[in-house]
PDB file of N, CA and C in Angstrom:
ATOM      1  N   UNK A   1       0.837  -1.189   0.000  1.00  0.00           N
ATOM      2  CA  UNK A   1       0.000   0.000   0.000  1.00  0.00           C
ATOM      3  C   UNK A   1       0.882   1.253   0.000  1.00  0.00           C
ATOM      4  N   UNK A   2       0.602   2.172  -0.894  1.00  0.00           N
ATOM      5  CA  UNK A   2       1.403   3.398  -1.027  1.00  0.00           C
ATOM      6  C   UNK A   2       0.955   4.422   0.010  1.00  0.00           C
ATOM      7  N   UNK A   3       1.966   5.047   0.625  1.00  0.00           N
ATOM      8  CA  UNK A   3       1.644   6.117   1.578  1.00  0.00           C
ATOM      9  C   UNK A   3       1.015   7.290   0.865  1.00  0.00           C
ATOM     10  N   UNK A   4       0.158   7.961   1.556  1.00  0.00           N
ATOM     11  CA  UNK A   4      -0.508   9.121   0.948  1.00  0.00           C
ATOM     12  C   UNK A   4       0.461  10.290   0.835  1.00  0.00           C
ATOM     13  N   UNK A   5       0.153  11.185  -0.050  1.00  0.00           N
ATOM     14  CA  UNK A   5       0.978  12.377  -0.220  1.00  0.00           C
ATOM     15  C   UNK A   5       0.965  13.234   1.033  1.00  0.00           C
ATOM     16  N   UNK A   6      -0.162  13.247   1.743  1.00  0.00           N
ATOM     17  CA  UNK A   6      -0.240  14.028   2.980  1.00  0.00           C
ATOM     18  C   UNK A   6       0.715  13.463   4.023  1.00  0.00           C
ATOM     19  N   UNK A   7       0.798  12.135   4.112  1.00  0.00           N
ATOM     20  CA  UNK A   7       1.718  11.507   5.070  1.00  0.00           C
ATOM     21  C   UNK A   7       3.155  11.835   4.700  1.00  0.00           C
ATOM     22  N   UNK A   8       3.485  11.749   3.422  1.00  0.00           N
ATOM     23  CA  UNK A   8       4.830  12.082   2.959  1.00  0.00           C
ATOM     24  C   UNK A   8       5.166  13.543   3.259  1.00  0.00           C
ATOM     25  N   UNK A   9       4.216  14.430   3.052  1.00  0.00           N
ATOM     26  CA  UNK A   9       4.441  15.854   3.313  1.00  0.00           C
ATOM     27  C   UNK A   9       4.663  16.102   4.798  1.00  0.00           C
ATOM     28  N   UNK A  10       3.905  15.426   5.649  1.00  0.00           N
ATOM     29  CA  UNK A  10       4.086  15.577   7.101  1.00  0.00           C
ATOM     30  C   UNK A  10       5.451  15.075   7.537  1.00  0.00           C
ATOM     31  N   UNK A  11       5.881  13.962   6.986  1.00  0.00           N
ATOM     32  CA  UNK A  11       7.200  13.414   7.339  1.00  0.00           C
ATOM     33  C   UNK A  11       8.311  14.357   6.901  1.00  0.00           C
ATOM     34  N   UNK A  12       8.176  14.911   5.702  1.00  0.00           N
ATOM     35  CA  UNK A  12       9.174  15.865   5.217  1.00  0.00           C
ATOM     36  C   UNK A  12       9.220  17.095   6.118  1.00  0.00           C
ATOM     37  N   UNK A  13       8.051  17.603   6.493  1.00  0.00           N
ATOM     38  CA  UNK A  13       7.963  18.772   7.373  1.00  0.00           C
ATOM     39  C   UNK A  13       8.611  18.478   8.727  1.00  0.00           C
ATOM     40  N   UNK A  14       8.326  17.319   9.274  1.00  0.00           N
ATOM     41  CA  UNK A  14       8.906  16.933  10.567  1.00  0.00           C
ATOM     42  C   UNK A  14      10.424  16.836  10.471  1.00  0.00           C
ATOM     43  N   UNK A  15      10.926  16.223   9.409  1.00  0.00           N
ATOM     44  CA  UNK A  15      12.379  16.088   9.219  1.00  0.00           C
ATOM     45  C   UNK A  15      13.046  17.457   9.130  1.00  0.00           C
ATOM     46  N   UNK A  16      12.422  18.391   8.387  1.00  0.00           N
ATOM     47  CA  UNK A  16      12.979  19.743   8.267  1.00  0.00           C
ATOM     48  C   UNK A  16      13.024  20.449   9.617  1.00  0.00           C
ATOM     49  N   UNK A  17      11.966  20.298  10.416  1.00  0.00           N
ATOM     50  CA  UNK A  17      11.935  20.934  11.733  1.00  0.00           C
ATOM     51  C   UNK A  17      13.003  20.356  12.648  1.00  0.00           C
ATOM     52  N   UNK A  18      13.215  19.058  12.587  1.00  0.00           N
ATOM     53  CA  UNK A  18      14.264  18.432  13.399  1.00  0.00           C
ATOM     54  C   UNK A  18      15.629  18.967  12.985  1.00  0.00           C
ATOM     55  N   UNK A  19      15.855  19.078  11.686  1.00  0.00           N
ATOM     56  CA  UNK A  19      17.134  19.613  11.201  1.00  0.00           C
ATOM     57  C   UNK A  19      17.333  21.056  11.658  1.00  0.00           C
ATOM     58  N   UNK A  20      16.283  21.862  11.609  1.00  0.00           N
ATOM     59  CA  UNK A  20      16.389  23.256  12.056  1.00  0.00           C
ATOM     60  C   UNK A  20      16.676  23.327  13.547  1.00  0.00           C
ATOM     61  N   UNK A  21      16.047  22.462  14.325  1.00  0.00           N
ATOM     62  CA  UNK A  21      16.343  22.398  15.755  1.00  0.00           C
ATOM     63  C   UNK A  21      17.793  22.029  16.003  1.00  0.00           C
ATOM     64  N   UNK A  22      18.315  21.153  15.172  1.00  0.00           N
ATOM     65  CA  UNK A  22      19.725  20.776  15.278  1.00  0.00           C
ATOM     66  C   UNK A  22      20.652  21.960  15.045  1.00  0.00           C
ATOM     67  N   UNK A  23      20.261  22.848  14.153  1.00  0.00           N
ATOM     68  CA  UNK A  23      21.066  24.047  13.917  1.00  0.00           C
ATOM     69  C   UNK A  23      21.101  24.943  15.148  1.00  0.00           C
ATOM     70  N   UNK A  24      19.970  25.058  15.825  1.00  0.00           N
ATOM     71  CA  UNK A  24      19.913  25.848  17.055  1.00  0.00           C
ATOM     72  C   UNK A  24      20.873  25.255  18.090  1.00  0.00           C
ATOM     73  N   UNK A  25      20.834  23.935  18.239  1.00  0.00           N
ATOM     74  CA  UNK A  25      21.722  23.265  19.197  1.00  0.00           C
ATOM     75  C   UNK A  25      23.178  23.451  18.792  1.00  0.00           C
ATOM     76  N   UNK A  26      23.486  23.295  17.501  1.00  0.00           N
ATOM     77  CA  UNK A  26      24.860  23.427  17.020  1.00  0.00           C
ATOM     78  C   UNK A  26      25.403  24.836  17.256  1.00  0.00           C
ATOM     79  N   UNK A  27      24.527  25.815  17.197  1.00  0.00           N
ATOM     80  CA  UNK A  27      24.944  27.208  17.422  1.00  0.00           C
ATOM     81  C   UNK A  27      25.154  27.512  18.906  1.00  0.00           C
ATOM     82  N   UNK A  28      24.860  26.532  19.770  1.00  0.00           N
ATOM     83  CA  UNK A  28      25.055  26.745  21.201  1.00  0.00           C
ATOM     84  C   UNK A  28      23.909  27.494  21.853  1.00  0.00           C
ATOM     85  N   UNK A  29      22.741  27.458  21.221  1.00  0.00           N
ATOM     86  CA  UNK A  29      21.602  28.231  21.706  1.00  0.00           C
ATOM     87  C   UNK A  29      20.474  27.353  22.255  1.00  0.00           C
ATOM     88  N   UNK A  30      20.765  26.107  22.508  1.00  0.00           N
ATOM     89  CA  UNK A  30      19.745  25.141  22.925  1.00  0.00           C
ATOM     90  C   UNK A  30      18.928  25.603  24.120  1.00  0.00           C
ATOM     91  N   UNK A  31      19.538  26.274  25.066  1.00  0.00           N
ATOM     92  CA  UNK A  31      18.849  26.609  26.315  1.00  0.00           C
ATOM     93  C   UNK A  31      18.355  28.051  26.383  1.00  0.00           C
ATOM     94  N   UNK A  32      18.418  28.744  25.258  1.00  0.00           N
ATOM     95  CA  UNK A  32      17.919  30.125  25.228  1.00  0.00           C
ATOM     96  C   UNK A  32      16.396  30.126  25.101  1.00  0.00           C
ATOM     97  N   UNK A  33      15.784  31.218  25.526  1.00  0.00           N
ATOM     98  CA  UNK A  33      14.338  31.345  25.436  1.00  0.00           C
ATOM     99  C   UNK A  33      13.911  31.433  23.969  1.00  0.00           C
ATOM    100  N   UNK A  34      12.747  30.881  23.690  1.00  0.00           N
ATOM    101  CA  UNK A  34      12.235  30.893  22.311  1.00  0.00           C
ATOM    102  C   UNK A  34      12.078  32.304  21.779  1.00  0.00           C
ATOM    103  N   UNK A  35      11.657  33.237  22.616  1.00  0.00           N
ATOM    104  CA  UNK A  35      11.489  34.622  22.160  1.00  0.00           C
ATOM    105  C   UNK A  35      12.825  35.202  21.707  1.00  0.00           C
ATOM    106  N   UNK A  36      13.890  34.892  22.418  1.00  0.00           N
ATOM    107  CA  UNK A  36      15.213  35.372  22.024  1.00  0.00           C
ATOM    108  C   UNK A  36      15.616  34.759  20.688  1.00  0.00           C
ATOM    109  N   UNK A  37      15.412  33.462  20.543  1.00  0.00           N
ATOM    110  CA  UNK A  37      15.776  32.802  19.296  1.00  0.00           C
ATOM    111  C   UNK A  37      15.020  33.388  18.115  1.00  0.00           C
ATOM    112  N   UNK A  38      13.736  33.600  18.295  1.00  0.00           N
ATOM    113  CA  UNK A  38      12.940  34.188  17.224  1.00  0.00           C
ATOM    114  C   UNK A  38      13.418  35.606  16.913  1.00  0.00           C
ATOM    115  N   UNK A  39      13.724  36.372  17.949  1.00  0.00           N
ATOM    116  CA  UNK A  39      14.249  37.724  17.742  1.00  0.00           C
ATOM    117  C   UNK A  39      15.553  37.719  16.966  1.00  0.00           C
ATOM    118  N   UNK A  40      16.440  36.790  17.300  1.00  0.00           N
ATOM    119  CA  UNK A  40      17.709  36.673  16.571  1.00  0.00           C
ATOM    120  C   UNK A  40      17.465  36.371  15.096  1.00  0.00           C
ATOM    121  N   UNK A  41      16.574  35.451  14.838  1.00  0.00           N
ATOM    122  CA  UNK A  41      16.298  35.053  13.462  1.00  0.00           C
ATOM    123  C   UNK A  41      15.629  36.179  12.673  1.00  0.00           C
ATOM    124  N   UNK A  42      14.702  36.880  13.290  1.00  0.00           N
ATOM    125  CA  UNK A  42      14.046  38.006  12.614  1.00  0.00           C
ATOM    126  C   UNK A  42      15.059  39.101  12.318  1.00  0.00           C
ATOM    127  N   UNK A  43      15.913  39.404  13.280  1.00  0.00           N
ATOM    128  CA  UNK A  43      16.936  40.431  13.084  1.00  0.00           C
ATOM    129  C   UNK A  43      17.884  40.037  11.953  1.00  0.00           C
ATOM    130  N   UNK A  44      18.313  38.792  11.955  1.00  0.00           N
ATOM    131  CA  UNK A  44      19.228  38.326  10.906  1.00  0.00           C
ATOM    132  C   UNK A  44      18.547  38.380   9.544  1.00  0.00           C
ATOM    133  N   UNK A  45      17.282  37.991   9.492  1.00  0.00           N
ATOM    134  CA  UNK A  45      16.539  38.030   8.235  1.00  0.00           C
ATOM    135  C   UNK A  45      16.489  39.448   7.679  1.00  0.00           C
ATOM    136  N   UNK A  46      16.253  40.410   8.543  1.00  0.00           N
ATOM    137  CA  UNK A  46      16.192  41.809   8.105  1.00  0.00           C
ATOM    138  C   UNK A  46      17.572  42.307   7.676  1.00  0.00           C
ATOM    139  N   UNK A  47      18.626  41.866   8.387  1.00  0.00           N
ATOM    140  CA  UNK A  47      19.974  42.340   8.058  1.00  0.00           C
ATOM    141  C   UNK A  47      20.486  41.810   6.737  1.00  0.00           C
ATOM    142  N   UNK A  48      20.076  40.603   6.352  1.00  0.00           N
ATOM    143  CA  UNK A  48      20.610  40.040   5.114  1.00  0.00           C
ATOM    144  C   UNK A  48      19.829  40.448   3.867  1.00  0.00           C
ATOM    145  N   UNK A  49      18.650  41.010   4.046  1.00  0.00           N
ATOM    146  CA  UNK A  49      17.867  41.441   2.882  1.00  0.00           C
ATOM    147  C   UNK A  49      18.604  42.558   2.149  1.00  0.00           C
ATOM    148  N   UNK A  50      18.991  42.272   0.936  1.00  0.00           N
ATOM    149  CA  UNK A  50      19.666  43.271   0.120  1.00  0.00           C
ATOM    150  C   UNK A  50      21.105  43.545   0.522  1.00  0.00           C
ATOM    151  N   UNK A  51      21.643  42.761   1.441  1.00  0.00           N
ATOM    152  CA  UNK A  51      23.023  42.981   1.892  1.00  0.00           C
ATOM    153  C   UNK A  51      23.831  41.719   1.597  1.00  0.00           C
ATOM    154  N   UNK A  52      24.357  41.670   0.380  1.00  0.00           N
ATOM    155  CA  UNK A  52      25.104  40.483  -0.038  1.00  0.00           C
ATOM    156  C   UNK A  52      26.362  40.264   0.798  1.00  0.00           C
ATOM    157  N   UNK A  53      26.979  41.333   1.265  1.00  0.00           N
ATOM    158  CA  UNK A  53      28.189  41.195   2.077  1.00  0.00           C
ATOM    159  C   UNK A  53      27.860  40.537   3.425  1.00  0.00           C
ATOM    160  N   UNK A  54      26.768  40.957   4.041  1.00  0.00           N
ATOM    161  CA  UNK A  54      26.368  40.364   5.325  1.00  0.00           C
ATOM    162  C   UNK A  54      25.954  38.912   5.128  1.00  0.00           C
ATOM    163  N   UNK A  55      25.249  38.636   4.056  1.00  0.00           N
ATOM    164  CA  UNK A  55      24.860  37.257   3.746  1.00  0.00           C
ATOM    165  C   UNK A  55      26.106  36.387   3.570  1.00  0.00           C
ATOM    166  N   UNK A  56      27.098  36.890   2.845  1.00  0.00           N
ATOM    167  CA  UNK A  56      28.334  36.137   2.612  1.00  0.00           C
ATOM    168  C   UNK A  56      29.096  35.935   3.926  1.00  0.00           C
ATOM    169  N   UNK A  57      29.138  36.961   4.760  1.00  0.00           N
ATOM    170  CA  UNK A  57      29.840  36.855   6.047  1.00  0.00           C
ATOM    171  C   UNK A  57      29.207  35.781   6.919  1.00  0.00           C
ATOM    172  N   UNK A  58      27.897  35.785   7.022  1.00  0.00           N
ATOM    173  CA  UNK A  58      27.212  34.800   7.855  1.00  0.00           C
ATOM    174  C   UNK A  58      27.304  33.394   7.259  1.00  0.00           C
ATOM    175  N   UNK A  59      27.275  33.302   5.941  1.00  0.00           N
ATOM    176  CA  UNK A  59      27.428  32.009   5.281  1.00  0.00           C
ATOM    177  C   UNK A  59      28.808  31.426   5.573  1.00  0.00           C
ATOM    178  N   UNK A  60      29.836  32.263   5.564  1.00  0.00           N
ATOM    179  CA  UNK A  60      31.191  31.792   5.858  1.00  0.00           C
ATOM    180  C   UNK A  60      31.306  31.289   7.290  1.00  0.00           C
ATOM    181  N   UNK A  61      30.679  31.984   8.217  1.00  0.00           N
ATOM    182  CA  UNK A  61      30.686  31.543   9.620  1.00  0.00           C
ATOM    183  C   UNK A  61      30.017  30.173   9.738  1.00  0.00           C
ATOM    184  N   UNK A  62      28.873  30.011   9.094  1.00  0.00           N
ATOM    185  CA  UNK A  62      28.170  28.737   9.141  1.00  0.00           C
ATOM    186  C   UNK A  62      28.939  27.619   8.471  1.00  0.00           C
ATOM    187  N   UNK A  63      29.528  27.904   7.321  1.00  0.00           N
ATOM    188  CA  UNK A  63      30.308  26.887   6.610  1.00  0.00           C
ATOM    189  C   UNK A  63      31.499  26.439   7.443  1.00  0.00           C
ATOM    190  N   UNK A  64      32.135  27.375   8.135  1.00  0.00           N
ATOM    191  CA  UNK A  64      33.253  27.015   9.006  1.00  0.00           C
ATOM    192  C   UNK A  64      32.786  26.107  10.143  1.00  0.00           C
ATOM    193  N   UNK A  65      31.650  26.419  10.718  1.00  0.00           N
ATOM    194  CA  UNK A  65      31.114  25.587  11.800  1.00  0.00           C
ATOM    195  C   UNK A  65      30.797  24.173  11.305  1.00  0.00           C
ATOM    196  N   UNK A  66      30.221  24.063  10.113  1.00  0.00           N
ATOM    197  CA  UNK A  66      29.954  22.743   9.545  1.00  0.00           C
ATOM    198  C   UNK A  66      31.250  22.009   9.253  1.00  0.00           C
ATOM    199  N   UNK A  67      32.264  22.752   8.831  1.00  0.00           N
ATOM    200  CA  UNK A  67      33.560  22.143   8.534  1.00  0.00           C
ATOM    201  C   UNK A  67      34.229  21.548   9.757  1.00  0.00           C
ATOM    202  N   UNK A  68      33.920  22.071  10.934  1.00  0.00           N
ATOM    203  CA  UNK A  68      34.504  21.548  12.170  1.00  0.00           C
ATOM    204  C   UNK A  68      33.848  20.237  12.609  1.00  0.00           C
ATOM    205  N   UNK A  69      32.768  19.838  11.954  1.00  0.00           N
ATOM    206  CA  UNK A  69      32.080  18.605  12.326  1.00  0.00           C
ATOM    207  C   UNK A  69      33.017  17.402  12.251  1.00  0.00           C
ATOM    208  N   UNK A  70      33.934  17.422  11.312  1.00  0.00           N
ATOM    209  CA  UNK A  70      34.831  16.282  11.125  1.00  0.00           C
ATOM    210  C   UNK A  70      35.963  16.199  12.128  1.00  0.00           C
ATOM    211  N   UNK A  71      36.135  17.252  12.903  1.00  0.00           N
ATOM    212  CA  UNK A  71      37.251  17.272  13.855  1.00  0.00           C
ATOM    213  C   UNK A  71      36.928  16.500  15.111  1.00  0.00           C
TER     214      UNK A  71
END
């Protein structure tokens, strides 16, 4: 029996949320209040709009953090 598209969509959504939560933990923010986390994300979203240099700077920081996974 084939799974329904709704079930597949829910599983994909759940997997994405788990991955996003993992990013919060990797950034060392696991124990911060949700309001603070949301504020950080909203602020970052506003700062990167139309600012390619800021987007590149933050991307480099993230890429470096991912690169340390193998250490």
